[in-house]
Amino acid sequence: MAKTLPKTDVVIVGVGWAGGIIAAELTKSGLNVVGLERGKERKTEDYFMVHDELRYGLRYELMQDLSKDTVTFRSTEKIRALPMRSYGSFLLGEGLGGAGVHWNGQTYRFLPYDFEIRTKTIERYGKNKIPDGMTIQDWGLTYDEMEPYYDKFEKLAGISGEPNPLGGKRSADYPTPPMKKSPALSMFSDAASKLKLHPYMMPSANLSEAYTNPDGISRAACQYCAFCERFGCEYGAKADPVVTVLPVALKTGKFEIRTHSHVRRILHQGGKATGVMYTDVTTGEELVQPADIVVVTSYVFNNVKLMLMSGLGKPYDPASGTGVIGRNYAYQVLKGNAAGFFDDKQFNTYAGAGSLGVSLDDYNGDNFDHTDLKFIHGGSISLSQTGMRPIANNPVPGGTASWGAEFKANSVKYANRFLSVGGQGSCMPFRHHFLDLDPTYKDAYGDPLVRLTFDFEEQDRQLALYLSGKCAEIVKEMGASHIDQLKELGPYEITTYQSTHNTGGVVMGASPDTSAVNTYLQMWDAENVFVVGASAFPHNSGYNPTDTVGALAFRASEGILKYRQKGGSLV
């Protein structure tokens, strides 16, 4: 029998960006909070002088152990799903700080179009523009309502950048100036401007200068060491929960972090949660943590799994299109790119930072006319100089032999003569894309794995080819001697890394018929349960998700404090 612990005001499941923000905001307001993290403790000192590409980049030191818990995948309901036993398409972080430790730091705001996507699409193009089976919906709030929360997160993290000329209105500039512009980035900016596009420096959580945030947390500037994605930052220059929000929460004396704590059920009775049941990973002991409020802030797949395992919310049924838990899974279309090889130029691409880049949004959202196009939305286009670490990078032009003298010669020739312009495409939800529990495979605790059913659609194929063509135009203007670009988008496959930008499954909205949580991320079916993270996105935009996750976490914090005062549904 599980041991019951003393009750707390709030229990948080998963201590990453969302969990850390909520812990800081609630403890500053006087609430007692317990944070349960199934991974181990992490701190900045862990990464001192550890620029180890093999350990972190290729052996996934910061990631979840797939032998204990993973997902299963199938492209359609007609085939059997199989477990993802080695890392490929996406990387699942584990440990204090979660994916907020190993991210690149690219911190974009979603466009105003994103939050009202169904309404805006129909207004401009009519209902027939939305293909059969596409389940886009408005988010239940507007960009203008989100803007103050974006501003809070960007000031918390010290985001370095300049305003997006095609983005939503801002109430304030970024708190720190843009990062340094390398020669390669200047080439991209000049070429894009000549094509009458609107380039701007990428918004970066890698600090361009020393910064002290509104909570009094001081951090040093980025050293452009090129070890960001899949790595922790030894300088604390890359904003992550461990160096920003967790110290604030801990300083209050009202926040307790319990690592190695794998939450398996949300306990509830009469429409309200009473706490959570979790397993101590180190001892195997089952424990119950009672709480007045339960906040679920783990990664997308685990947020969905906890809802399904706990019997909270109606599971999604793709046959009828009813139910909400597991609905509107979306990913990202990252295959729309063009690679340029330069015979007459060299670049120091082995230096860089996770968010060092230039972007443009001329082909993102509804910033361009889709009347004659066979897709909606679009994607951002950028040239990023994240740092080409030596083991995993060996660019050669298309048509080069895969071994032998020609391969060796081109490997040497183009090691410093290669630039890639990439399109980060949006991803729309479809009725037959969803998450549920696998009937066959189980995790180390005997619970079912999450099953992912997803494939690229004609929408994605058309978008990828469109973005690839636009990227190639820019690379040509930059003067590349040889250009490789996407010619066809094949089926989605889970073995090759694409992005850790999984979204949906516990989506937000204005109606319990099509959403699991309201605009404060409060469950319609259990008023004292809040489910926070990218699982709330009804679709995925042409950007990285973290700025929107952070903004929603601030809004959820506000909602939790309101609920604490008066109870009931917040909308």
Protein backbone atom coordinates (compact mmCIF):
# COMPACT_ATOMS: atom_id res chain seq x y z
CA MET A 1 0.00 0.00 0.00
CA ALA A 2 1.25 3.47 -0.92
CA LYS A 3 2.46 5.70 1.89
CA THR A 4 0.55 8.98 2.24
CA LEU A 5 2.63 12.11 2.88
CA PRO A 6 1.58 15.42 4.49
CA LYS A 7 -0.66 17.56 2.32
CA THR A 8 0.66 20.60 0.42
CA ASP A 9 -1.05 23.53 -1.29
CA VAL A 10 0.20 22.64 -4.77
CA VAL A 11 1.99 19.67 -6.31
CA ILE A 12 3.76 20.13 -9.65
CA VAL A 13 4.51 17.18 -11.94
CA GLY A 14 7.71 17.86 -13.89
CA VAL A 15 10.21 20.60 -13.02
CA GLY A 16 11.18 22.17 -16.34
CA TRP A 17 10.32 25.59 -17.76
CA ALA A 18 6.58 25.41 -17.10
CA GLY A 19 6.95 23.80 -13.68
CA GLY A 20 9.73 26.16 -12.67
CA ILE A 21 7.84 29.30 -13.66
CA ILE A 22 4.73 28.18 -11.82
CA ALA A 23 6.73 27.18 -8.74
CA ALA A 24 8.39 30.61 -8.62
CA GLU A 25 5.16 32.54 -9.12
CA LEU A 26 3.15 30.55 -6.58
CA THR A 27 5.79 30.48 -3.85
CA LYS A 28 6.38 34.22 -4.19
CA SER A 29 2.66 34.55 -3.46
CA GLY A 30 2.96 32.46 -0.31
CA LEU A 31 1.82 29.00 -1.43
CA ASN A 32 3.61 25.83 -0.37
CA VAL A 33 4.65 23.84 -3.45
CA VAL A 34 6.13 20.38 -3.96
CA GLY A 35 7.81 19.72 -7.32
CA LEU A 36 8.14 16.10 -8.43
CA GLU A 37 10.80 15.41 -11.08
CA ARG A 38 11.41 11.85 -12.25
CA GLY A 39 15.01 12.56 -13.33
CA LYS A 40 18.02 13.58 -11.29
CA GLU A 41 19.21 16.92 -9.93
CA ARG A 42 21.17 19.16 -12.32
CA LYS A 43 23.31 22.24 -11.77
CA THR A 44 25.53 24.53 -13.83
CA GLU A 45 28.69 23.05 -12.32
CA ASP A 46 27.89 19.73 -14.02
CA TYR A 47 28.99 21.23 -17.34
CA PHE A 48 32.25 22.98 -16.38
CA MET A 49 34.72 22.26 -19.19
CA VAL A 50 32.65 19.35 -20.50
CA HIS A 51 32.41 20.10 -24.23
CA ASP A 52 31.89 16.43 -24.96
CA GLU A 53 30.00 15.91 -28.22
CA LEU A 54 30.10 12.13 -27.93
CA ARG A 55 28.69 12.03 -24.41
CA TYR A 56 25.93 14.62 -24.81
CA GLY A 57 25.35 15.00 -28.54
CA LEU A 58 25.47 11.37 -29.58
CA ARG A 59 24.97 9.33 -26.42
CA TYR A 60 22.20 11.57 -25.05
CA GLU A 61 23.40 12.12 -21.50
CA LEU A 62 20.56 14.56 -20.74
CA MET A 63 17.80 12.44 -22.24
CA GLN A 64 15.24 9.96 -20.96
CA ASP A 65 16.28 6.29 -20.74
CA LEU A 66 14.26 4.69 -23.53
CA SER A 67 14.73 1.21 -22.06
CA LYS A 68 12.48 2.30 -19.16
CA ASP A 69 9.94 4.56 -20.85
CA THR A 70 9.43 5.53 -24.48
CA VAL A 71 6.67 5.97 -27.07
CA THR A 72 5.40 3.63 -29.75
CA PHE A 73 4.86 4.86 -33.30
CA ARG A 74 2.77 4.01 -36.32
CA SER A 75 1.96 6.08 -39.38
CA THR A 76 -1.66 4.89 -39.64
CA GLU A 77 -4.16 2.92 -37.58
CA LYS A 78 -3.87 0.06 -40.08
CA ILE A 79 -0.44 -1.02 -38.83
CA ARG A 80 0.96 -2.07 -35.48
CA ALA A 81 2.92 0.51 -33.52
CA LEU A 82 6.45 -0.36 -32.39
CA PRO A 83 8.53 1.22 -29.61
CA MET A 84 11.13 3.91 -30.29
CA ARG A 85 14.14 2.13 -28.78
CA SER A 86 16.86 4.53 -29.94
CA TYR A 87 16.71 8.29 -30.33
CA GLY A 88 15.78 9.70 -33.71
CA SER A 89 13.06 12.18 -34.65
CA PHE A 90 12.88 13.94 -31.26
CA LEU A 91 14.75 13.95 -27.93
CA LEU A 92 12.99 13.56 -24.59
CA GLY A 93 14.80 15.40 -21.83
CA GLU A 94 14.86 14.15 -18.27
CA GLY A 95 16.16 15.62 -15.04
CA LEU A 96 15.81 18.93 -13.27
CA GLY A 97 15.12 21.63 -15.85
CA GLY A 98 13.86 19.13 -18.42
CA ALA A 99 14.20 20.05 -22.08
CA GLY A 100 14.88 23.61 -20.91
CA VAL A 101 18.46 22.51 -20.17
CA HIS A 102 19.33 21.05 -23.57
CA TRP A 103 17.47 23.45 -25.88
CA ASN A 104 19.12 25.87 -28.32
CA GLY A 105 17.39 28.95 -26.91
CA GLN A 106 15.49 30.11 -30.02
CA THR A 107 12.63 32.10 -28.49
CA TYR A 108 10.02 33.23 -31.02
CA ARG A 109 6.55 34.59 -30.34
CA PHE A 110 3.77 32.94 -32.33
CA LEU A 111 2.00 35.21 -34.82
CA PRO A 112 -1.43 36.81 -34.15
CA TYR A 113 -2.78 34.55 -36.93
CA ASP A 114 -1.89 31.44 -34.92
CA PHE A 115 -4.27 32.15 -32.06
CA GLU A 116 -7.27 32.71 -34.35
CA ILE A 117 -6.21 30.42 -37.18
CA ARG A 118 -9.60 28.95 -38.06
CA THR A 119 -11.46 32.25 -37.95
CA LYS A 120 -8.78 34.15 -39.88
CA THR A 121 -8.40 31.43 -42.54
CA ILE A 122 -12.14 31.29 -43.21
CA GLU A 123 -12.45 35.09 -43.24
CA ARG A 124 -9.82 35.42 -45.97
CA TYR A 125 -10.26 32.26 -48.04
CA GLY A 126 -13.56 30.62 -47.10
CA LYS A 127 -14.28 27.27 -45.42
CA ASN A 128 -13.20 25.26 -48.46
CA LYS A 129 -9.58 26.29 -47.86
CA ILE A 130 -9.50 23.94 -44.87
CA PRO A 131 -9.13 20.38 -46.23
CA ASP A 132 -11.24 17.47 -45.04
CA GLY A 133 -9.89 15.99 -41.84
CA MET A 134 -7.91 19.05 -40.75
CA THR A 135 -9.03 19.95 -37.22
CA ILE A 136 -7.67 23.47 -36.76
CA GLN A 137 -9.37 25.61 -34.14
CA ASP A 138 -8.92 28.97 -32.46
CA TRP A 139 -7.03 28.89 -29.18
CA GLY A 140 -9.69 30.73 -27.17
CA LEU A 141 -7.56 33.84 -26.70
CA THR A 142 -5.81 36.35 -28.94
CA TYR A 143 -2.22 37.46 -29.44
CA ASP A 144 -3.04 40.73 -27.71
CA GLU A 145 -4.15 38.77 -24.63
CA MET A 146 -0.94 36.69 -24.78
CA GLU A 147 1.40 39.63 -25.29
CA PRO A 148 1.88 40.61 -21.62
CA TYR A 149 2.83 37.02 -20.77
CA TYR A 150 5.32 36.87 -23.65
CA ASP A 151 6.86 40.05 -22.30
CA LYS A 152 7.16 38.53 -18.81
CA PHE A 153 8.91 35.41 -20.06
CA GLU A 154 11.32 37.35 -22.26
CA LYS A 155 12.31 39.60 -19.36
CA LEU A 156 12.70 36.60 -17.08
CA ALA A 157 15.02 34.88 -19.57
CA GLY A 158 16.80 38.04 -20.76
CA ILE A 159 16.00 37.36 -24.40
CA SER A 160 18.38 39.06 -26.84
CA GLY A 161 16.87 40.24 -30.09
CA GLU A 162 15.22 42.86 -32.23
CA PRO A 163 11.54 43.26 -33.15
CA ASN A 164 10.15 41.04 -35.89
CA PRO A 165 8.97 43.48 -38.63
CA LEU A 166 6.15 41.07 -39.59
CA GLY A 167 5.25 39.93 -36.08
CA GLY A 168 2.64 41.06 -33.58
CA LYS A 169 2.89 44.36 -31.75
CA ARG A 170 5.18 44.51 -28.72
CA SER A 171 4.69 46.40 -25.47
CA ALA A 172 8.47 46.65 -24.98
CA ASP A 173 11.75 45.90 -26.72
CA TYR A 174 13.69 42.76 -25.91
CA PRO A 175 15.55 43.24 -22.61
CA THR A 176 18.98 42.73 -24.21
CA PRO A 177 20.29 43.65 -27.69
CA PRO A 178 20.76 41.12 -30.51
CA MET A 179 23.71 38.75 -30.59
CA LYS A 180 26.75 39.45 -32.78
CA LYS A 181 26.17 39.12 -36.50
CA SER A 182 28.76 36.88 -38.16
CA PRO A 183 29.84 37.27 -41.82
CA ALA A 184 27.57 34.37 -42.81
CA LEU A 185 24.58 36.01 -41.14
CA SER A 186 25.37 39.30 -42.82
CA MET A 187 25.43 37.54 -46.20
CA PHE A 188 21.99 36.07 -45.49
CA SER A 189 20.59 39.44 -44.35
CA ASP A 190 21.95 41.24 -47.42
CA ALA A 191 20.62 38.59 -49.81
CA ALA A 192 17.18 38.58 -48.17
CA SER A 193 16.98 42.38 -48.26
CA LYS A 194 17.89 42.40 -51.97
CA LEU A 195 14.95 40.02 -52.49
CA LYS A 196 12.76 42.58 -50.67
CA LEU A 197 12.27 40.30 -47.67
CA HIS A 198 12.36 41.30 -43.98
CA PRO A 199 15.27 39.68 -42.09
CA TYR A 200 15.83 40.22 -38.38
CA MET A 201 18.18 38.80 -35.76
CA MET A 202 16.84 35.63 -34.17
CA PRO A 203 15.42 36.10 -30.64
CA SER A 204 17.93 34.36 -28.40
CA ALA A 205 17.98 32.96 -24.87
CA ASN A 206 21.80 32.96 -25.18
CA LEU A 207 22.54 36.30 -23.52
CA SER A 208 24.23 38.90 -25.73
CA GLU A 209 25.45 40.70 -22.61
CA ALA A 210 25.40 40.30 -18.83
CA TYR A 211 21.87 40.69 -17.51
CA THR A 212 19.93 40.87 -14.25
CA ASN A 213 16.25 39.94 -14.54
CA PRO A 214 13.28 41.34 -12.57
CA ASP A 215 13.70 38.63 -9.90
CA GLY A 216 17.30 39.76 -9.30
CA ILE A 217 18.91 36.76 -11.04
CA SER A 218 22.20 37.80 -12.69
CA ARG A 219 23.76 35.82 -15.54
CA ALA A 220 26.85 36.16 -17.74
CA ALA A 221 26.98 36.69 -21.49
CA CYS A 222 27.29 33.95 -24.12
CA GLN A 223 30.81 32.87 -25.14
CA TYR A 224 29.75 31.50 -28.57
CA CYS A 225 31.23 28.11 -27.74
CA ALA A 226 28.80 26.16 -30.01
CA PHE A 227 27.74 23.68 -27.31
CA CYS A 228 24.06 24.55 -26.81
CA GLU A 229 21.65 22.02 -28.27
CA ARG A 230 21.83 18.71 -26.31
CA PHE A 231 24.18 20.36 -23.79
CA GLY A 232 23.90 22.27 -20.54
CA CYS A 233 25.51 25.72 -20.43
CA GLU A 234 28.55 25.99 -18.18
CA TYR A 235 28.30 29.80 -18.10
CA GLY A 236 24.60 30.05 -17.26
CA ALA A 237 24.38 32.28 -20.33
CA LYS A 238 21.69 30.12 -21.90
CA ALA A 239 18.47 30.70 -19.98
CA ASP A 240 17.19 27.51 -18.41
CA PRO A 241 15.02 26.80 -15.37
CA VAL A 242 17.99 25.81 -13.19
CA VAL A 243 19.60 29.26 -13.48
CA THR A 244 16.46 31.42 -13.61
CA VAL A 245 13.23 30.38 -11.90
CA LEU A 246 14.22 27.50 -9.60
CA PRO A 247 16.57 29.61 -7.43
CA VAL A 248 13.74 32.12 -6.99
CA ALA A 249 11.29 29.46 -5.85
CA LEU A 250 13.81 27.80 -3.53
CA LYS A 251 14.76 31.13 -1.93
CA THR A 252 11.21 31.55 -0.63
CA GLY A 253 11.57 28.44 1.55
CA LYS A 254 8.19 27.26 0.30
CA PHE A 255 9.36 25.02 -2.55
CA GLU A 256 10.50 21.44 -2.13
CA ILE A 257 11.99 19.57 -5.11
CA ARG A 258 11.91 15.78 -5.05
CA THR A 259 13.97 14.25 -7.82
CA HIS A 260 13.76 10.57 -8.88
CA SER A 261 9.99 10.81 -8.39
CA HIS A 262 8.00 9.22 -11.23
CA VAL A 263 4.37 10.35 -11.08
CA ARG A 264 2.01 7.66 -12.36
CA ARG A 265 -1.50 8.76 -11.40
CA ILE A 266 -3.48 11.86 -10.54
CA LEU A 267 -5.88 10.88 -7.76
CA HIS A 268 -9.34 12.41 -7.94
CA GLN A 269 -12.81 12.12 -6.53
CA GLY A 270 -16.06 13.94 -7.26
CA GLY A 271 -14.62 16.03 -10.09
CA LYS A 272 -11.59 17.30 -8.16
CA ALA A 273 -8.06 16.02 -7.72
CA THR A 274 -6.89 15.01 -4.27
CA GLY A 275 -3.21 14.59 -5.10
CA VAL A 276 -0.86 12.31 -7.05
CA MET A 277 0.61 8.84 -6.67
CA TYR A 278 4.26 8.43 -7.59
CA THR A 279 7.05 5.89 -7.40
CA ASP A 280 10.40 6.69 -5.80
CA VAL A 281 12.75 5.60 -8.59
CA THR A 282 15.60 4.86 -6.18
CA THR A 283 13.66 2.60 -3.79
CA GLY A 284 10.60 1.48 -5.76
CA GLU A 285 8.32 2.72 -2.96
CA GLU A 286 4.90 4.06 -3.94
CA LEU A 287 3.94 7.37 -2.34
CA VAL A 288 0.87 9.59 -2.32
CA GLN A 289 1.28 13.36 -2.24
CA PRO A 290 -2.05 15.02 -1.33
CA ALA A 291 -2.55 18.57 -2.58
CA ASP A 292 -5.26 21.17 -2.99
CA ILE A 293 -4.13 21.85 -6.57
CA VAL A 294 -2.37 19.56 -9.07
CA VAL A 295 -0.33 21.14 -11.87
CA VAL A 296 0.93 18.85 -14.64
CA THR A 297 3.96 20.36 -16.38
CA SER A 298 5.82 17.40 -17.84
CA TYR A 299 6.54 16.86 -21.54
CA VAL A 300 3.75 16.47 -24.11
CA PHE A 301 3.70 12.66 -24.12
CA ASN A 302 3.69 12.31 -20.35
CA ASN A 303 1.03 14.99 -19.91
CA VAL A 304 -1.23 12.96 -22.18
CA LYS A 305 -0.27 9.67 -20.55
CA LEU A 306 -1.08 10.97 -17.07
CA MET A 307 -4.51 12.15 -18.18
CA LEU A 308 -5.32 8.81 -19.80
CA MET A 309 -3.92 6.68 -16.95
CA SER A 310 -5.79 8.79 -14.40
CA GLY A 311 -9.14 8.79 -16.19
CA LEU A 312 -9.26 12.58 -16.46
CA GLY A 313 -10.95 13.99 -19.55
CA LYS A 314 -12.58 11.96 -22.30
CA PRO A 315 -10.09 10.01 -24.45
CA TYR A 316 -10.06 11.03 -28.10
CA ASP A 317 -11.76 8.68 -30.58
CA PRO A 318 -10.55 9.25 -34.16
CA ALA A 319 -13.45 7.24 -35.62
CA SER A 320 -16.10 9.60 -34.25
CA GLY A 321 -13.88 12.65 -33.79
CA THR A 322 -15.13 12.99 -30.22
CA GLY A 323 -13.14 13.21 -27.01
CA VAL A 324 -10.27 15.52 -26.15
CA ILE A 325 -7.33 13.71 -24.51
CA GLY A 326 -4.86 12.79 -27.25
CA ARG A 327 -6.51 15.03 -29.85
CA ASN A 328 -4.68 17.39 -32.25
CA TYR A 329 -1.18 15.97 -32.01
CA ALA A 330 1.12 18.01 -34.27
CA TYR A 331 4.82 18.13 -35.01
CA GLN A 332 6.84 20.34 -37.39
CA VAL A 333 7.88 20.35 -41.05
CA LEU A 334 11.65 20.92 -41.06
CA LYS A 335 12.51 19.38 -44.44
CA GLY A 336 12.07 22.61 -46.40
CA ASN A 337 15.68 23.75 -46.70
CA ALA A 338 18.50 24.50 -49.13
CA ALA A 339 22.21 23.86 -48.65
CA GLY A 340 24.77 26.13 -50.29
CA PHE A 341 28.37 25.11 -51.08
CA PHE A 342 30.78 27.97 -51.81
CA ASP A 343 33.95 27.50 -53.89
CA ASP A 344 35.15 31.06 -53.31
CA LYS A 345 34.26 31.71 -49.65
CA GLN A 346 35.11 30.26 -46.24
CA PHE A 347 33.24 30.57 -42.95
CA ASN A 348 34.06 29.90 -39.30
CA THR A 349 30.94 27.78 -38.84
CA TYR A 350 32.48 25.78 -36.01
CA ALA A 351 31.91 28.79 -33.76
CA GLY A 352 28.39 29.79 -32.84
CA ALA A 353 25.55 29.59 -30.36
CA GLY A 354 22.19 27.87 -30.23
CA SER A 355 20.25 30.99 -31.15
CA LEU A 356 22.80 32.81 -33.27
CA GLY A 357 20.94 33.44 -36.50
CA VAL A 358 18.86 35.63 -38.77
CA SER A 359 15.23 34.86 -39.56
CA LEU A 360 12.44 36.15 -41.77
CA ASP A 361 8.67 35.65 -41.69
CA ASP A 362 7.58 36.67 -45.17
CA TYR A 363 6.39 33.09 -45.74
CA ASN A 364 5.09 32.37 -42.25
CA GLY A 365 1.53 32.33 -40.93
CA ASP A 366 -0.75 34.24 -43.29
CA ASN A 367 1.83 36.93 -44.12
CA PHE A 368 1.48 35.98 -47.82
CA ASP A 369 -1.40 35.11 -50.13
CA HIS A 370 -2.40 31.42 -50.03
CA THR A 371 -5.22 31.68 -52.58
CA ASP A 372 -3.47 29.58 -55.24
CA LEU A 373 -1.48 27.42 -52.81
CA LYS A 374 -2.46 23.95 -51.63
CA PHE A 375 -1.64 24.57 -47.99
CA ILE A 376 -2.38 27.02 -45.18
CA HIS A 377 0.04 28.68 -42.76
CA GLY A 378 3.77 28.52 -43.60
CA GLY A 379 7.08 28.71 -41.82
CA SER A 380 9.96 30.89 -40.70
CA ILE A 381 13.16 30.84 -42.77
CA SER A 382 16.53 31.35 -41.14
CA LEU A 383 20.25 30.87 -41.33
CA SER A 384 21.53 29.71 -37.95
CA GLN A 385 25.14 29.44 -36.88
CA THR A 386 24.74 27.01 -33.99
CA GLY A 387 28.24 25.61 -34.37
CA MET A 388 29.13 22.61 -36.52
CA ARG A 389 30.67 20.24 -34.00
CA PRO A 390 33.25 17.86 -35.52
CA ILE A 391 31.73 14.39 -35.08
CA ALA A 392 28.24 14.87 -36.47
CA ASN A 393 29.02 17.24 -39.37
CA ASN A 394 30.54 16.35 -42.72
CA PRO A 395 28.78 18.34 -45.47
CA VAL A 396 29.40 17.42 -49.10
CA PRO A 397 27.47 18.47 -52.22
CA GLY A 398 24.76 16.23 -53.58
CA GLY A 399 26.07 13.73 -56.12
CA THR A 400 29.30 13.16 -54.18
CA ALA A 401 30.23 9.50 -53.75
CA SER A 402 29.52 8.25 -50.23
CA TRP A 403 33.06 6.89 -49.81
CA GLY A 404 36.47 6.95 -51.46
CA ALA A 405 38.73 9.65 -52.85
CA GLU A 406 35.96 11.99 -54.07
CA PHE A 407 34.18 11.83 -50.72
CA LYS A 408 37.39 12.59 -48.82
CA ALA A 409 38.36 15.45 -51.11
CA ASN A 410 34.94 17.14 -50.88
CA SER A 411 34.82 16.60 -47.12
CA VAL A 412 38.01 18.60 -46.75
CA LYS A 413 37.13 21.19 -49.38
CA TYR A 414 33.68 22.06 -48.06
CA ALA A 415 34.25 21.68 -44.30
CA ASN A 416 34.29 25.50 -44.00
CA ARG A 417 32.46 26.37 -47.22
CA PHE A 418 28.93 25.25 -46.40
CA LEU A 419 25.85 27.17 -45.25
CA SER A 420 22.29 25.90 -44.81
CA VAL A 421 19.18 28.06 -45.06
CA GLY A 422 16.28 26.26 -43.43
CA GLY A 423 12.52 26.56 -43.32
CA GLN A 424 10.79 25.68 -40.06
CA GLY A 425 7.31 24.80 -41.22
CA SER A 426 4.12 24.77 -39.21
CA CYS A 427 2.15 21.56 -38.68
CA MET A 428 -1.62 21.36 -38.80
CA PRO A 429 -3.63 18.76 -36.84
CA PHE A 430 -5.68 16.11 -38.60
CA ARG A 431 -8.46 13.88 -37.32
CA HIS A 432 -6.31 10.76 -37.70
CA HIS A 433 -3.24 12.18 -35.91
CA PHE A 434 -3.48 11.47 -32.19
CA LEU A 435 -1.99 10.03 -29.01
CA ASP A 436 -3.41 7.14 -27.01
CA LEU A 437 -2.24 4.23 -24.84
CA ASP A 438 -0.52 1.32 -26.53
CA PRO A 439 -2.40 -1.96 -25.93
CA THR A 440 0.78 -4.08 -26.05
CA TYR A 441 3.90 -2.32 -24.79
CA LYS A 442 4.47 -1.14 -21.21
CA ASP A 443 7.02 0.92 -19.31
CA ALA A 444 9.27 -0.23 -16.47
CA TYR A 445 6.40 0.16 -13.99
CA GLY A 446 3.90 -1.90 -15.97
CA ASP A 447 1.96 1.09 -17.32
CA PRO A 448 1.13 1.32 -21.07
CA LEU A 449 3.38 3.37 -23.31
CA VAL A 450 1.99 6.34 -25.19
CA ARG A 451 1.22 5.47 -28.81
CA LEU A 452 1.80 8.07 -31.53
CA THR A 453 -0.18 7.88 -34.78
CA PHE A 454 1.11 10.44 -37.28
CA ASP A 455 2.31 10.97 -40.84
CA PHE A 456 2.97 13.89 -43.14
CA GLU A 457 -0.03 15.00 -45.21
CA GLU A 458 -0.34 16.69 -48.60
CA GLN A 459 -0.50 19.97 -46.64
CA ASP A 460 2.99 19.23 -45.27
CA ARG A 461 4.40 18.09 -48.62
CA GLN A 462 3.24 21.23 -50.40
CA LEU A 463 4.52 23.46 -47.60
CA ALA A 464 7.93 21.78 -47.52
CA LEU A 465 8.46 22.18 -51.27
CA TYR A 466 7.33 25.80 -51.15
CA LEU A 467 9.72 26.69 -48.32
CA SER A 468 12.56 24.77 -49.97
CA GLY A 469 12.14 26.84 -53.13
CA LYS A 470 12.21 30.09 -51.18
CA CYS A 471 15.31 28.97 -49.25
CA ALA A 472 17.05 28.11 -52.53
CA GLU A 473 16.30 31.59 -53.89
CA ILE A 474 18.08 33.14 -50.92
CA VAL A 475 21.06 30.76 -51.15
CA LYS A 476 21.38 31.58 -54.86
CA GLU A 477 21.37 35.30 -54.07
CA MET A 478 24.11 34.63 -51.50
CA GLY A 479 26.31 33.36 -54.33
CA ALA A 480 26.55 29.64 -53.65
CA SER A 481 28.44 27.61 -56.24
CA HIS A 482 26.27 24.53 -55.72
CA ILE A 483 22.80 24.31 -54.18
CA ASP A 484 21.05 21.21 -52.85
CA GLN A 485 17.38 21.52 -52.00
CA LEU A 486 14.45 19.33 -51.08
CA LYS A 487 12.69 17.89 -54.12
CA GLU A 488 10.11 15.71 -52.39
CA LEU A 489 8.89 15.21 -48.82
CA GLY A 490 8.57 11.51 -48.09
CA PRO A 491 6.60 9.83 -45.29
CA TYR A 492 7.33 10.82 -41.70
CA GLU A 493 9.85 8.50 -40.09
CA ILE A 494 10.92 8.39 -36.49
CA THR A 495 14.56 7.33 -36.90
CA THR A 496 16.12 10.63 -38.10
CA TYR A 497 16.30 13.71 -35.87
CA GLN A 498 14.01 16.53 -36.98
CA SER A 499 12.96 18.56 -33.93
CA THR A 500 11.78 18.15 -30.35
CA HIS A 501 8.74 20.30 -31.09
CA ASN A 502 5.91 17.90 -30.30
CA THR A 503 2.60 19.55 -29.49
CA GLY A 504 -1.04 18.84 -28.67
CA GLY A 505 -2.91 16.09 -26.87
CA VAL A 506 -4.33 18.21 -24.01
CA VAL A 507 -5.29 21.22 -26.08
CA MET A 508 -6.73 24.53 -24.98
CA GLY A 509 -9.81 26.24 -26.34
CA ALA A 510 -13.11 27.96 -25.66
CA SER A 511 -15.27 24.82 -25.55
CA PRO A 512 -15.00 21.51 -23.65
CA ASP A 513 -16.23 19.78 -26.83
CA THR A 514 -12.95 20.48 -28.64
CA SER A 515 -10.48 21.18 -25.83
CA ALA A 516 -9.33 19.60 -22.59
CA VAL A 517 -8.33 22.84 -20.82
CA ASN A 518 -9.50 26.43 -20.90
CA THR A 519 -7.35 29.47 -21.62
CA TYR A 520 -5.80 29.33 -18.13
CA LEU A 521 -4.95 25.65 -18.85
CA GLN A 522 -7.45 24.60 -16.18
CA MET A 523 -9.19 21.29 -16.96
CA TRP A 524 -12.83 21.54 -17.85
CA ASP A 525 -13.45 18.22 -16.08
CA ALA A 526 -11.44 18.84 -12.90
CA GLU A 527 -11.29 22.44 -11.74
CA ASN A 528 -8.21 22.05 -9.52
CA VAL A 529 -6.05 20.40 -12.22
CA PHE A 530 -3.97 22.56 -14.57
CA VAL A 531 -2.11 20.97 -17.51
CA VAL A 532 0.63 23.26 -18.80
CA GLY A 533 3.01 22.94 -21.73
CA ALA A 534 3.07 22.50 -25.50
CA SER A 535 0.44 19.79 -25.00
CA ALA A 536 -1.99 22.75 -24.91
CA PHE A 537 -1.21 23.91 -28.48
CA PRO A 538 -4.14 23.16 -30.85
CA HIS A 539 -1.64 23.23 -33.76
CA ASN A 540 2.06 23.97 -34.17
CA SER A 541 3.38 27.17 -35.68
CA GLY A 542 6.42 27.84 -37.86
CA TYR A 543 8.55 28.49 -34.79
CA ASN A 544 10.14 26.88 -31.76
CA PRO A 545 7.52 26.46 -29.00
CA THR A 546 9.35 27.62 -25.84
CA ASP A 547 8.36 31.30 -25.77
CA THR A 548 4.71 30.30 -26.02
CA VAL A 549 5.13 27.60 -23.36
CA GLY A 550 6.69 30.16 -21.04
CA ALA A 551 3.96 32.71 -21.70
CA LEU A 552 1.23 30.15 -21.08
CA ALA A 553 2.95 29.11 -17.83
CA PHE A 554 2.76 32.71 -16.58
CA ARG A 555 -0.91 32.87 -17.54
CA ALA A 556 -1.58 29.54 -15.83
CA SER A 557 0.16 30.84 -12.68
CA GLU A 558 -2.17 33.80 -12.68
CA GLY A 559 -5.12 31.46 -13.09
CA ILE A 560 -4.00 29.18 -10.26
CA LEU A 561 -3.77 32.14 -7.89
CA LYS A 562 -7.26 33.27 -8.94
CA TYR A 563 -8.58 29.76 -8.42
CA ARG A 564 -6.94 29.60 -5.00
CA GLN A 565 -8.92 32.68 -3.98
CA LYS A 566 -12.37 31.83 -5.30
CA GLY A 567 -12.44 28.30 -6.75
CA GLY A 568 -14.59 27.18 -9.68
CA SER A 569 -14.00 27.44 -13.40
CA LEU A 570 -11.99 30.51 -14.38
CA VAL A 571 -13.81 31.06 -17.67
